[in-house]
Amino acid sequence: MKGSDMKTIVCYGDSNTHGFNPDDWGRYPKMFRWPGILQEMLGPDYDVVEEGCNGRTTVFVQPDEPWKEGLHYLKPCINSHKPVDILIIMLGTNDLKFMYNASAEDIAKGAERLVQEVITFTKSKEILTPNIILVSPPELGGEIASSFFGNEFDDASVAKSKEFSKYYKAVADRNGCAFLDAAKIIEPDYKDQLHLSPAQHSQLAEALCQCVRGLEK
């Protein structure tokens, strides 16, 4: 049973939170996924909840799979796990698909809508407004246009991914969020230019562990 002093962390993201394995297109075991590694690092004082969905965007709607839009599921997610002490948001990679024709700034504004939705919703409906760690996603691999995912991402997508950090940092600053630039820490696996290797998951978890510990001070 969860102790009354245990803190809940919700990890809200896409396939790189879910743990997509570029080797076999399955899912890494929990011990190799960054939320699972973060749980081990933080220990029993925290309950780390994985909320990753393959293909999830910030606010952009894919016509054949509209349920993958991140804003749509955010309120029920927060309500299901309340009270949430810390919310880690790492979304935006799928927004780079050329079908959306979105700039890096547009995508960051989508992330900002998520942040503001959480703040507004929890202030009016919950007993606790979580600390938010906004993660600027890692850059796409430079060869993604010639990878399997070249039918969704192109060279322009790569260029936009390199602009994420400055726009996400501005969103974090405007809304009082902690911020982590994942591109300074990790890069996608060479196999598909999009998803993370176990080593990258571990490095991301370590950086996020430091962010969480920083919120304790």
N, C-alpha and C. Protein backbone atom coordinates (compact mmCIF):
# COMPACT_ATOMS: atom_id res chain seq x y z
N MET A 1 0.85 -1.19 0.00
CA MET A 1 0.00 0.00 0.00
C MET A 1 0.88 1.24 0.00
N LYS A 2 0.45 2.22 -0.76
CA LYS A 2 1.22 3.44 -0.86
C LYS A 2 1.15 4.23 0.44
N GLY A 3 2.33 4.60 0.96
CA GLY A 3 2.37 5.38 2.17
C GLY A 3 1.90 6.81 1.95
N SER A 4 1.40 7.45 3.00
CA SER A 4 0.86 8.79 2.87
C SER A 4 1.92 9.82 2.51
N ASP A 5 3.20 9.50 2.80
CA ASP A 5 4.28 10.43 2.50
C ASP A 5 4.98 10.09 1.20
N MET A 6 4.53 9.06 0.48
CA MET A 6 5.13 8.71 -0.80
C MET A 6 4.68 9.70 -1.86
N LYS A 7 5.62 10.16 -2.67
CA LYS A 7 5.31 11.11 -3.73
C LYS A 7 5.07 10.40 -5.06
N THR A 8 4.10 10.89 -5.81
CA THR A 8 3.77 10.31 -7.11
C THR A 8 4.35 11.15 -8.24
N ILE A 9 5.04 10.49 -9.14
CA ILE A 9 5.58 11.12 -10.34
C ILE A 9 4.91 10.48 -11.54
N VAL A 10 4.29 11.27 -12.39
CA VAL A 10 3.69 10.77 -13.63
C VAL A 10 4.58 11.17 -14.80
N CYS A 11 4.95 10.19 -15.60
CA CYS A 11 5.81 10.41 -16.77
C CYS A 11 4.92 10.37 -18.01
N TYR A 12 4.66 11.54 -18.59
CA TYR A 12 3.70 11.68 -19.68
C TYR A 12 4.46 11.90 -20.98
N GLY A 13 4.41 10.90 -21.85
CA GLY A 13 5.20 11.01 -23.07
C GLY A 13 4.73 10.13 -24.20
N ASP A 14 5.64 9.87 -25.13
CA ASP A 14 5.32 9.10 -26.33
C ASP A 14 6.05 7.77 -26.31
N SER A 15 6.47 7.28 -27.47
CA SER A 15 7.10 5.96 -27.54
C SER A 15 8.43 5.90 -26.81
N ASN A 16 9.11 7.03 -26.66
CA ASN A 16 10.37 7.03 -25.94
C ASN A 16 10.16 7.07 -24.42
N THR A 17 8.94 7.21 -23.99
CA THR A 17 8.58 6.99 -22.58
C THR A 17 8.00 5.59 -22.42
N HIS A 18 7.23 5.15 -23.41
CA HIS A 18 6.67 3.80 -23.40
C HIS A 18 7.76 2.74 -23.44
N GLY A 19 8.86 3.06 -24.13
CA GLY A 19 9.97 2.12 -24.20
C GLY A 19 10.06 1.34 -25.50
N PHE A 20 9.74 1.98 -26.61
CA PHE A 20 9.81 1.33 -27.92
C PHE A 20 11.22 0.83 -28.19
N ASN A 21 11.31 -0.44 -28.59
CA ASN A 21 12.60 -1.07 -28.86
C ASN A 21 12.86 -1.09 -30.37
N PRO A 22 13.83 -0.32 -30.85
CA PRO A 22 14.09 -0.27 -32.29
C PRO A 22 14.64 -1.56 -32.87
N ASP A 23 15.06 -2.50 -32.02
CA ASP A 23 15.57 -3.77 -32.51
C ASP A 23 14.46 -4.68 -33.01
N ASP A 24 13.36 -4.75 -32.25
CA ASP A 24 12.31 -5.71 -32.63
C ASP A 24 10.92 -5.09 -32.67
N TRP A 25 10.84 -3.77 -32.46
CA TRP A 25 9.58 -3.04 -32.47
C TRP A 25 8.65 -3.43 -31.32
N GLY A 26 9.21 -4.09 -30.35
CA GLY A 26 8.46 -4.41 -29.14
C GLY A 26 8.70 -3.33 -28.09
N ARG A 27 8.66 -3.74 -26.84
CA ARG A 27 8.84 -2.81 -25.72
C ARG A 27 9.94 -3.32 -24.82
N TYR A 28 10.85 -2.42 -24.45
CA TYR A 28 11.88 -2.80 -23.49
C TYR A 28 11.25 -3.24 -22.18
N PRO A 29 11.87 -4.17 -21.47
CA PRO A 29 11.42 -4.49 -20.12
C PRO A 29 11.50 -3.24 -19.23
N LYS A 30 10.72 -3.23 -18.19
CA LYS A 30 10.65 -2.05 -17.31
C LYS A 30 12.02 -1.62 -16.80
N MET A 31 12.88 -2.59 -16.53
CA MET A 31 14.20 -2.27 -15.99
C MET A 31 15.07 -1.49 -16.96
N PHE A 32 14.69 -1.48 -18.26
CA PHE A 32 15.45 -0.75 -19.26
C PHE A 32 14.76 0.54 -19.73
N ARG A 33 13.56 0.80 -19.24
CA ARG A 33 12.83 2.01 -19.62
C ARG A 33 13.16 3.12 -18.63
N TRP A 34 13.26 4.35 -19.11
CA TRP A 34 13.72 5.41 -18.20
C TRP A 34 12.81 5.61 -16.99
N PRO A 35 11.47 5.50 -17.11
CA PRO A 35 10.68 5.64 -15.87
C PRO A 35 10.98 4.53 -14.86
N GLY A 36 11.20 3.31 -15.35
CA GLY A 36 11.52 2.21 -14.46
C GLY A 36 12.88 2.40 -13.79
N ILE A 37 13.82 2.90 -14.57
CA ILE A 37 15.16 3.17 -14.01
C ILE A 37 15.07 4.31 -13.00
N LEU A 38 14.27 5.32 -13.32
CA LEU A 38 14.07 6.44 -12.39
C LEU A 38 13.48 5.96 -11.08
N GLN A 39 12.55 5.02 -11.15
CA GLN A 39 11.96 4.45 -9.94
C GLN A 39 13.04 3.82 -9.06
N GLU A 40 13.92 3.04 -9.69
CA GLU A 40 15.00 2.39 -8.94
C GLU A 40 15.93 3.42 -8.32
N MET A 41 16.21 4.47 -9.06
CA MET A 41 17.13 5.50 -8.55
C MET A 41 16.55 6.26 -7.38
N LEU A 42 15.25 6.56 -7.45
CA LEU A 42 14.62 7.37 -6.41
C LEU A 42 14.24 6.56 -5.18
N GLY A 43 13.96 5.27 -5.38
CA GLY A 43 13.66 4.41 -4.25
C GLY A 43 12.22 4.46 -3.79
N PRO A 44 11.94 3.88 -2.62
CA PRO A 44 10.57 3.66 -2.15
C PRO A 44 9.80 4.91 -1.72
N ASP A 45 10.47 6.04 -1.67
CA ASP A 45 9.75 7.27 -1.29
C ASP A 45 8.95 7.83 -2.47
N TYR A 46 9.13 7.25 -3.64
CA TYR A 46 8.44 7.73 -4.84
C TYR A 46 7.72 6.58 -5.55
N ASP A 47 6.60 6.93 -6.15
CA ASP A 47 5.87 6.02 -7.02
C ASP A 47 5.91 6.63 -8.42
N VAL A 48 6.70 6.02 -9.31
CA VAL A 48 6.88 6.55 -10.66
C VAL A 48 5.91 5.84 -11.60
N VAL A 49 5.00 6.60 -12.18
CA VAL A 49 3.93 6.06 -13.02
C VAL A 49 4.27 6.29 -14.50
N GLU A 50 4.27 5.23 -15.27
CA GLU A 50 4.56 5.32 -16.71
C GLU A 50 3.28 5.62 -17.48
N GLU A 51 3.29 6.71 -18.22
CA GLU A 51 2.16 7.07 -19.07
C GLU A 51 2.67 7.45 -20.46
N GLY A 52 3.35 6.50 -21.10
CA GLY A 52 3.86 6.70 -22.45
C GLY A 52 2.96 6.01 -23.46
N CYS A 53 2.75 6.67 -24.60
CA CYS A 53 1.90 6.12 -25.67
C CYS A 53 2.61 6.33 -27.01
N ASN A 54 2.81 5.25 -27.75
CA ASN A 54 3.43 5.36 -29.06
C ASN A 54 2.63 6.30 -29.96
N GLY A 55 3.32 7.24 -30.58
CA GLY A 55 2.66 8.15 -31.52
C GLY A 55 2.00 9.36 -30.89
N ARG A 56 2.05 9.49 -29.57
CA ARG A 56 1.36 10.62 -28.93
C ARG A 56 2.00 11.96 -29.34
N THR A 57 1.14 12.94 -29.58
CA THR A 57 1.56 14.30 -29.89
C THR A 57 1.22 15.21 -28.71
N THR A 58 1.53 16.49 -28.86
CA THR A 58 1.09 17.45 -27.85
C THR A 58 -0.39 17.74 -28.08
N VAL A 59 -0.70 18.46 -29.15
CA VAL A 59 -2.09 18.84 -29.43
C VAL A 59 -2.53 18.53 -30.86
N PHE A 60 -1.64 17.99 -31.66
CA PHE A 60 -1.97 17.71 -33.06
C PHE A 60 -2.71 16.39 -33.18
N VAL A 61 -3.71 16.37 -34.05
CA VAL A 61 -4.60 15.21 -34.18
C VAL A 61 -4.29 14.44 -35.46
N GLN A 62 -3.97 13.17 -35.30
CA GLN A 62 -3.80 12.27 -36.45
C GLN A 62 -5.17 11.73 -36.81
N PRO A 63 -5.63 11.97 -38.04
CA PRO A 63 -7.02 11.65 -38.39
C PRO A 63 -7.44 10.21 -38.09
N ASP A 64 -6.57 9.24 -38.34
CA ASP A 64 -6.96 7.84 -38.14
C ASP A 64 -6.76 7.38 -36.70
N GLU A 65 -6.07 8.16 -35.89
CA GLU A 65 -5.85 7.80 -34.48
C GLU A 65 -5.92 9.07 -33.61
N PRO A 66 -7.08 9.69 -33.55
CA PRO A 66 -7.20 10.96 -32.82
C PRO A 66 -6.94 10.85 -31.32
N TRP A 67 -7.07 9.66 -30.78
CA TRP A 67 -6.88 9.45 -29.35
C TRP A 67 -5.41 9.59 -28.92
N LYS A 68 -4.51 9.71 -29.88
CA LYS A 68 -3.09 9.87 -29.53
C LYS A 68 -2.70 11.33 -29.29
N GLU A 69 -3.65 12.23 -29.39
CA GLU A 69 -3.38 13.62 -29.09
C GLU A 69 -3.25 13.80 -27.58
N GLY A 70 -2.14 14.37 -27.15
CA GLY A 70 -1.82 14.40 -25.72
C GLY A 70 -2.76 15.20 -24.86
N LEU A 71 -3.33 16.26 -25.40
CA LEU A 71 -4.23 17.10 -24.60
C LEU A 71 -5.50 16.34 -24.22
N HIS A 72 -5.96 15.49 -25.12
CA HIS A 72 -7.21 14.75 -24.94
C HIS A 72 -7.19 13.89 -23.68
N TYR A 73 -6.08 13.24 -23.41
CA TYR A 73 -6.00 12.28 -22.31
C TYR A 73 -5.43 12.87 -21.02
N LEU A 74 -4.97 14.10 -21.08
CA LEU A 74 -4.22 14.64 -19.95
C LEU A 74 -5.04 14.76 -18.67
N LYS A 75 -6.22 15.33 -18.73
CA LYS A 75 -7.04 15.48 -17.53
C LYS A 75 -7.38 14.13 -16.89
N PRO A 76 -7.90 13.16 -17.66
CA PRO A 76 -8.18 11.88 -17.02
C PRO A 76 -6.94 11.22 -16.45
N CYS A 77 -5.80 11.42 -17.10
CA CYS A 77 -4.55 10.85 -16.60
C CYS A 77 -4.20 11.43 -15.24
N ILE A 78 -4.22 12.75 -15.14
CA ILE A 78 -3.90 13.42 -13.88
C ILE A 78 -4.90 13.03 -12.80
N ASN A 79 -6.16 12.97 -13.17
CA ASN A 79 -7.20 12.64 -12.19
C ASN A 79 -7.07 11.20 -11.71
N SER A 80 -6.65 10.31 -12.59
CA SER A 80 -6.51 8.89 -12.22
C SER A 80 -5.42 8.66 -11.19
N HIS A 81 -4.39 9.48 -11.25
CA HIS A 81 -3.23 9.25 -10.39
C HIS A 81 -3.11 10.26 -9.26
N LYS A 82 -4.14 11.08 -9.07
CA LYS A 82 -4.07 12.14 -8.06
C LYS A 82 -3.89 11.56 -6.65
N PRO A 83 -3.24 12.31 -5.76
CA PRO A 83 -2.57 13.58 -6.06
C PRO A 83 -1.21 13.34 -6.72
N VAL A 84 -0.92 14.09 -7.77
CA VAL A 84 0.35 13.99 -8.49
C VAL A 84 1.29 15.07 -7.97
N ASP A 85 2.44 14.65 -7.49
CA ASP A 85 3.42 15.60 -6.95
C ASP A 85 4.29 16.20 -8.05
N ILE A 86 4.68 15.36 -8.98
CA ILE A 86 5.56 15.80 -10.07
C ILE A 86 5.04 15.22 -11.39
N LEU A 87 4.95 16.05 -12.40
CA LEU A 87 4.57 15.62 -13.74
C LEU A 87 5.74 15.89 -14.67
N ILE A 88 6.23 14.84 -15.32
CA ILE A 88 7.29 14.98 -16.32
C ILE A 88 6.65 14.87 -17.69
N ILE A 89 6.78 15.91 -18.50
CA ILE A 89 6.22 15.92 -19.85
C ILE A 89 7.36 15.90 -20.86
N MET A 90 7.38 14.87 -21.70
CA MET A 90 8.34 14.81 -22.81
C MET A 90 7.57 14.44 -24.07
N LEU A 91 7.07 15.44 -24.75
CA LEU A 91 6.30 15.28 -25.98
C LEU A 91 6.74 16.31 -27.01
N GLY A 92 6.51 16.00 -28.27
CA GLY A 92 6.84 16.92 -29.35
C GLY A 92 7.50 16.24 -30.53
N THR A 93 8.10 15.08 -30.30
CA THR A 93 8.78 14.38 -31.39
C THR A 93 7.82 14.02 -32.51
N ASN A 94 6.66 13.48 -32.17
CA ASN A 94 5.71 13.08 -33.22
C ASN A 94 5.08 14.28 -33.93
N ASP A 95 5.11 15.42 -33.28
CA ASP A 95 4.60 16.64 -33.89
C ASP A 95 5.46 17.08 -35.07
N LEU A 96 6.67 16.52 -35.15
CA LEU A 96 7.60 16.85 -36.23
C LEU A 96 7.26 16.15 -37.54
N LYS A 97 6.29 15.25 -37.52
CA LYS A 97 5.89 14.60 -38.76
C LYS A 97 5.45 15.65 -39.77
N PHE A 98 5.87 15.49 -41.02
CA PHE A 98 5.59 16.55 -41.99
C PHE A 98 4.11 16.72 -42.28
N MET A 99 3.28 15.75 -41.91
CA MET A 99 1.84 15.88 -42.12
C MET A 99 1.25 17.05 -41.31
N TYR A 100 1.90 17.43 -40.22
CA TYR A 100 1.38 18.50 -39.37
C TYR A 100 1.88 19.89 -39.81
N ASN A 101 2.97 19.92 -40.55
CA ASN A 101 3.52 21.19 -41.05
C ASN A 101 3.66 22.21 -39.92
N ALA A 102 4.17 21.77 -38.79
CA ALA A 102 4.30 22.63 -37.61
C ALA A 102 5.76 23.04 -37.41
N SER A 103 5.95 24.28 -37.04
CA SER A 103 7.29 24.77 -36.70
C SER A 103 7.67 24.32 -35.29
N ALA A 104 8.94 24.45 -34.95
CA ALA A 104 9.37 24.12 -33.59
C ALA A 104 8.65 25.00 -32.57
N GLU A 105 8.42 26.25 -32.94
CA GLU A 105 7.71 27.15 -32.03
C GLU A 105 6.26 26.72 -31.87
N ASP A 106 5.62 26.27 -32.96
CA ASP A 106 4.24 25.77 -32.88
C ASP A 106 4.16 24.58 -31.92
N ILE A 107 5.13 23.70 -32.04
CA ILE A 107 5.14 22.49 -31.22
C ILE A 107 5.35 22.84 -29.74
N ALA A 108 6.24 23.79 -29.50
CA ALA A 108 6.45 24.24 -28.11
C ALA A 108 5.19 24.87 -27.55
N LYS A 109 4.45 25.58 -28.39
CA LYS A 109 3.18 26.16 -27.94
C LYS A 109 2.18 25.05 -27.60
N GLY A 110 2.25 23.94 -28.32
CA GLY A 110 1.42 22.78 -27.98
C GLY A 110 1.79 22.24 -26.61
N ALA A 111 3.09 22.16 -26.34
CA ALA A 111 3.54 21.72 -25.02
C ALA A 111 3.08 22.69 -23.94
N GLU A 112 3.07 23.96 -24.28
CA GLU A 112 2.62 24.97 -23.31
C GLU A 112 1.13 24.80 -22.99
N ARG A 113 0.35 24.42 -23.97
CA ARG A 113 -1.07 24.17 -23.71
C ARG A 113 -1.24 23.03 -22.71
N LEU A 114 -0.40 22.03 -22.81
CA LEU A 114 -0.45 20.92 -21.84
C LEU A 114 -0.12 21.43 -20.44
N VAL A 115 0.95 22.18 -20.35
CA VAL A 115 1.38 22.72 -19.06
C VAL A 115 0.27 23.56 -18.43
N GLN A 116 -0.30 24.45 -19.21
CA GLN A 116 -1.35 25.33 -18.68
C GLN A 116 -2.62 24.57 -18.34
N GLU A 117 -2.90 23.52 -19.11
CA GLU A 117 -4.06 22.69 -18.82
C GLU A 117 -3.91 22.04 -17.44
N VAL A 118 -2.73 21.54 -17.16
CA VAL A 118 -2.47 20.90 -15.87
C VAL A 118 -2.61 21.91 -14.74
N ILE A 119 -2.02 23.06 -14.90
CA ILE A 119 -2.06 24.07 -13.85
C ILE A 119 -3.49 24.51 -13.57
N THR A 120 -4.22 24.83 -14.62
CA THR A 120 -5.60 25.30 -14.46
C THR A 120 -6.49 24.22 -13.87
N PHE A 121 -6.37 23.00 -14.39
CA PHE A 121 -7.21 21.90 -13.95
C PHE A 121 -6.96 21.54 -12.49
N THR A 122 -5.71 21.43 -12.12
CA THR A 122 -5.40 21.00 -10.76
C THR A 122 -5.71 22.08 -9.73
N LYS A 123 -5.59 23.34 -10.12
CA LYS A 123 -5.93 24.41 -9.19
C LYS A 123 -7.43 24.43 -8.88
N SER A 124 -8.23 24.02 -9.86
CA SER A 124 -9.68 24.08 -9.66
C SER A 124 -10.29 22.76 -9.19
N LYS A 125 -9.63 21.64 -9.50
CA LYS A 125 -10.25 20.34 -9.25
C LYS A 125 -9.48 19.43 -8.29
N GLU A 126 -8.22 19.70 -8.06
CA GLU A 126 -7.41 18.78 -7.27
C GLU A 126 -6.93 19.45 -5.98
N ILE A 127 -6.35 18.64 -5.11
CA ILE A 127 -5.84 19.16 -3.85
C ILE A 127 -4.38 19.60 -3.98
N LEU A 128 -3.77 19.30 -5.11
CA LEU A 128 -2.35 19.60 -5.28
C LEU A 128 -2.06 19.90 -6.74
N THR A 129 -1.36 21.01 -6.99
CA THR A 129 -0.86 21.32 -8.33
C THR A 129 0.56 20.78 -8.42
N PRO A 130 0.83 19.87 -9.33
CA PRO A 130 2.15 19.24 -9.36
C PRO A 130 3.25 20.18 -9.82
N ASN A 131 4.45 19.89 -9.37
CA ASN A 131 5.62 20.47 -10.00
C ASN A 131 5.75 19.84 -11.39
N ILE A 132 6.05 20.65 -12.38
CA ILE A 132 6.15 20.14 -13.74
C ILE A 132 7.60 20.23 -14.22
N ILE A 133 8.10 19.12 -14.72
CA ILE A 133 9.40 19.10 -15.39
C ILE A 133 9.12 18.98 -16.88
N LEU A 134 9.42 20.03 -17.63
CA LEU A 134 9.21 20.02 -19.07
C LEU A 134 10.51 19.61 -19.74
N VAL A 135 10.44 18.53 -20.50
CA VAL A 135 11.63 18.00 -21.18
C VAL A 135 11.56 18.33 -22.66
N SER A 136 12.55 19.04 -23.14
CA SER A 136 12.70 19.28 -24.57
C SER A 136 13.22 17.99 -25.19
N PRO A 137 12.46 17.38 -26.13
CA PRO A 137 12.83 16.05 -26.63
C PRO A 137 14.19 16.01 -27.33
N PRO A 138 14.78 14.83 -27.42
CA PRO A 138 16.04 14.70 -28.15
C PRO A 138 15.84 15.00 -29.63
N GLU A 139 16.92 15.40 -30.29
CA GLU A 139 16.86 15.66 -31.71
C GLU A 139 16.62 14.36 -32.49
N LEU A 140 16.04 14.47 -33.65
CA LEU A 140 15.93 13.34 -34.54
C LEU A 140 17.30 13.02 -35.12
N GLY A 141 17.50 11.75 -35.48
CA GLY A 141 18.74 11.38 -36.14
C GLY A 141 18.83 12.00 -37.52
N GLY A 142 20.03 12.37 -37.92
CA GLY A 142 20.23 13.06 -39.18
C GLY A 142 19.87 12.26 -40.42
N GLU A 143 19.77 10.93 -40.26
CA GLU A 143 19.47 10.07 -41.41
C GLU A 143 18.04 9.57 -41.39
N ILE A 144 17.17 10.22 -40.64
CA ILE A 144 15.81 9.68 -40.51
C ILE A 144 15.04 9.68 -41.83
N ALA A 145 15.36 10.61 -42.72
CA ALA A 145 14.63 10.68 -44.00
C ALA A 145 14.86 9.43 -44.84
N SER A 146 15.97 8.73 -44.63
CA SER A 146 16.26 7.50 -45.37
C SER A 146 16.02 6.26 -44.52
N SER A 147 15.46 6.44 -43.33
CA SER A 147 15.15 5.31 -42.45
C SER A 147 13.74 4.80 -42.74
N PHE A 148 13.31 3.82 -41.96
CA PHE A 148 11.94 3.32 -42.11
C PHE A 148 10.92 4.43 -41.91
N PHE A 149 11.25 5.39 -41.07
CA PHE A 149 10.31 6.46 -40.74
C PHE A 149 10.40 7.65 -41.70
N GLY A 150 11.08 7.46 -42.82
CA GLY A 150 11.19 8.52 -43.80
C GLY A 150 9.87 8.86 -44.48
N ASN A 151 8.87 8.02 -44.30
CA ASN A 151 7.55 8.34 -44.85
C ASN A 151 6.75 9.27 -43.93
N GLU A 152 7.35 9.62 -42.78
CA GLU A 152 6.69 10.53 -41.83
C GLU A 152 7.55 11.74 -41.46
N PHE A 153 8.87 11.55 -41.46
CA PHE A 153 9.80 12.60 -41.07
C PHE A 153 10.76 12.88 -42.23
N ASP A 154 11.15 14.14 -42.37
CA ASP A 154 12.09 14.49 -43.43
C ASP A 154 13.23 15.34 -42.87
N ASP A 155 14.05 15.88 -43.75
CA ASP A 155 15.18 16.68 -43.29
C ASP A 155 14.72 17.94 -42.55
N ALA A 156 13.59 18.49 -42.97
CA ALA A 156 13.05 19.66 -42.28
C ALA A 156 12.66 19.29 -40.84
N SER A 157 12.17 18.08 -40.65
CA SER A 157 11.84 17.63 -39.29
C SER A 157 13.08 17.61 -38.41
N VAL A 158 14.18 17.17 -38.98
CA VAL A 158 15.44 17.14 -38.23
C VAL A 158 15.86 18.55 -37.84
N ALA A 159 15.78 19.46 -38.78
CA ALA A 159 16.16 20.85 -38.51
C ALA A 159 15.29 21.46 -37.41
N LYS A 160 14.00 21.18 -37.45
CA LYS A 160 13.09 21.71 -36.43
C LYS A 160 13.41 21.12 -35.06
N SER A 161 13.78 19.84 -35.02
CA SER A 161 14.09 19.22 -33.72
C SER A 161 15.28 19.88 -33.05
N LYS A 162 16.17 20.47 -33.85
CA LYS A 162 17.34 21.15 -33.30
C LYS A 162 16.96 22.50 -32.67
N GLU A 163 15.76 22.98 -32.95
CA GLU A 163 15.29 24.25 -32.40
C GLU A 163 14.44 24.09 -31.14
N PHE A 164 14.15 22.85 -30.78
CA PHE A 164 13.26 22.61 -29.65
C PHE A 164 13.69 23.32 -28.37
N SER A 165 14.96 23.21 -28.06
CA SER A 165 15.44 23.63 -26.74
C SER A 165 15.08 25.07 -26.40
N LYS A 166 15.35 26.00 -27.31
CA LYS A 166 15.12 27.41 -26.97
C LYS A 166 13.64 27.71 -26.76
N TYR A 167 12.78 27.07 -27.54
CA TYR A 167 11.34 27.33 -27.40
C TYR A 167 10.77 26.65 -26.16
N TYR A 168 11.20 25.43 -25.88
CA TYR A 168 10.73 24.72 -24.69
C TYR A 168 11.23 25.41 -23.42
N LYS A 169 12.46 25.89 -23.46
CA LYS A 169 13.00 26.61 -22.29
C LYS A 169 12.17 27.85 -22.01
N ALA A 170 11.77 28.55 -23.07
CA ALA A 170 10.94 29.75 -22.88
C ALA A 170 9.58 29.40 -22.28
N VAL A 171 9.00 28.27 -22.72
CA VAL A 171 7.73 27.80 -22.15
C VAL A 171 7.90 27.49 -20.67
N ALA A 172 8.96 26.78 -20.34
CA ALA A 172 9.21 26.43 -18.94
C ALA A 172 9.36 27.68 -18.08
N ASP A 173 10.12 28.65 -18.58
CA ASP A 173 10.35 29.88 -17.83
C ASP A 173 9.05 30.66 -17.63
N ARG A 174 8.21 30.72 -18.66
CA ARG A 174 6.96 31.48 -18.56
C ARG A 174 5.99 30.87 -17.56
N ASN A 175 6.08 29.56 -17.40
CA ASN A 175 5.07 28.86 -16.61
C ASN A 175 5.59 28.26 -15.30
N GLY A 176 6.80 28.63 -14.93
CA GLY A 176 7.34 28.19 -13.65
C GLY A 176 7.66 26.71 -13.58
N CYS A 177 8.05 26.13 -14.71
CA CYS A 177 8.39 24.70 -14.76
C CYS A 177 9.90 24.50 -14.62
N ALA A 178 10.28 23.35 -14.10
CA ALA A 178 11.66 22.93 -14.23
C ALA A 178 11.87 22.53 -15.69
N PHE A 179 13.12 22.55 -16.15
CA PHE A 179 13.39 22.30 -17.56
C PHE A 179 14.59 21.38 -17.72
N LEU A 180 14.48 20.47 -18.70
CA LEU A 180 15.61 19.62 -19.06
C LEU A 180 15.70 19.54 -20.58
N ASP A 181 16.87 19.82 -21.10
CA ASP A 181 17.13 19.71 -22.54
C ASP A 181 17.71 18.32 -22.81
N ALA A 182 16.85 17.41 -23.26
CA ALA A 182 17.29 16.03 -23.47
C ALA A 182 18.34 15.91 -24.56
N ALA A 183 18.35 16.84 -25.52
CA ALA A 183 19.30 16.77 -26.62
C ALA A 183 20.75 16.94 -26.15
N LYS A 184 20.93 17.53 -24.97
CA LYS A 184 22.27 17.67 -24.42
C LYS A 184 22.76 16.38 -23.77
N ILE A 185 21.85 15.43 -23.61
CA ILE A 185 22.16 14.22 -22.85
C ILE A 185 22.12 12.97 -23.73
N ILE A 186 21.14 12.91 -24.62
CA ILE A 186 20.89 11.69 -25.37
C ILE A 186 20.65 11.98 -26.85
N GLU A 187 20.73 10.92 -27.65
CA GLU A 187 20.38 10.99 -29.06
C GLU A 187 19.75 9.66 -29.45
N PRO A 188 18.95 9.63 -30.50
CA PRO A 188 18.28 8.38 -30.86
C PRO A 188 19.25 7.32 -31.36
N ASP A 189 18.82 6.08 -31.26
CA ASP A 189 19.62 4.95 -31.72
C ASP A 189 19.80 5.03 -33.24
N TYR A 190 20.96 4.63 -33.71
CA TYR A 190 21.24 4.69 -35.15
C TYR A 190 20.34 3.78 -35.97
N LYS A 191 19.75 2.78 -35.32
CA LYS A 191 18.97 1.80 -36.08
C LYS A 191 17.75 2.40 -36.75
N ASP A 192 17.06 3.31 -36.05
CA ASP A 192 15.88 3.91 -36.69
C ASP A 192 15.85 5.43 -36.60
N GLN A 193 16.90 6.03 -35.99
CA GLN A 193 17.05 7.49 -35.96
C GLN A 193 15.96 8.20 -35.15
N LEU A 194 15.21 7.43 -34.36
CA LEU A 194 14.06 8.01 -33.66
C LEU A 194 13.96 7.58 -32.20
N HIS A 195 14.21 6.31 -31.94
CA HIS A 195 13.99 5.77 -30.59
C HIS A 195 15.30 5.56 -29.83
N LEU A 196 15.17 5.40 -28.52
CA LEU A 196 16.32 5.37 -27.64
C LEU A 196 16.80 3.95 -27.37
N SER A 197 18.10 3.83 -27.17
CA SER A 197 18.70 2.56 -26.75
C SER A 197 18.60 2.46 -25.23
N PRO A 198 18.82 1.28 -24.66
CA PRO A 198 18.81 1.16 -23.20
C PRO A 198 19.80 2.12 -22.53
N ALA A 199 20.96 2.31 -23.13
CA ALA A 199 21.94 3.23 -22.54
C ALA A 199 21.40 4.66 -22.50
N GLN A 200 20.68 5.05 -23.56
CA GLN A 200 20.10 6.40 -23.58
C GLN A 200 18.99 6.55 -22.54
N HIS A 201 18.19 5.49 -22.37
CA HIS A 201 17.16 5.50 -21.33
C HIS A 201 17.80 5.71 -19.96
N SER A 202 18.91 5.03 -19.73
CA SER A 202 19.59 5.14 -18.44
C SER A 202 20.13 6.55 -18.21
N GLN A 203 20.70 7.14 -19.25
CA GLN A 203 21.24 8.49 -19.12
C GLN A 203 20.13 9.51 -18.88
N LEU A 204 19.02 9.34 -19.56
CA LEU A 204 17.89 10.25 -19.35
C LEU A 204 17.35 10.12 -17.93
N ALA A 205 17.23 8.89 -17.45
CA ALA A 205 16.74 8.67 -16.09
C ALA A 205 17.65 9.34 -15.06
N GLU A 206 18.95 9.25 -15.28
CA GLU A 206 19.89 9.86 -14.34
C GLU A 206 19.72 11.38 -14.31
N ALA A 207 19.55 11.99 -15.48
CA ALA A 207 19.36 13.44 -15.53
C ALA A 207 18.05 13.85 -14.88
N LEU A 208 17.01 13.07 -15.10
CA LEU A 208 15.72 13.39 -14.49
C LEU A 208 15.73 13.15 -12.99
N CYS A 209 16.49 12.19 -12.56
CA CYS A 209 16.64 11.96 -11.11
C CYS A 209 17.24 13.21 -10.46
N GLN A 210 18.22 13.80 -11.12
CA GLN A 210 18.81 15.03 -10.59
C GLN A 210 17.79 16.16 -10.56
N CYS A 211 16.94 16.23 -11.59
CA CYS A 211 15.89 17.25 -11.61
C CYS A 211 14.92 17.07 -10.44
N VAL A 212 14.52 15.82 -10.22
CA VAL A 212 13.58 15.54 -9.12
C VAL A 212 14.23 15.88 -7.78
N ARG A 213 15.45 15.49 -7.61
CA ARG A 213 16.15 15.81 -6.34
C ARG A 213 16.28 17.32 -6.18
N GLY A 214 16.43 18.03 -7.28
CA GLY A 214 16.53 19.48 -7.21
C GLY A 214 15.23 20.12 -6.72
N LEU A 215 14.10 19.48 -7.01
CA LEU A 215 12.81 20.01 -6.56
C LEU A 215 12.62 19.81 -5.06
N GLU A 216 13.41 18.92 -4.47
CA GLU A 216 13.29 18.65 -3.05
C GLU A 216 13.94 19.74 -2.22
N LYS A 217 14.81 20.52 -2.83
CA LYS A 217 15.58 21.52 -2.07
C LYS A 217 14.74 22.76 -1.77
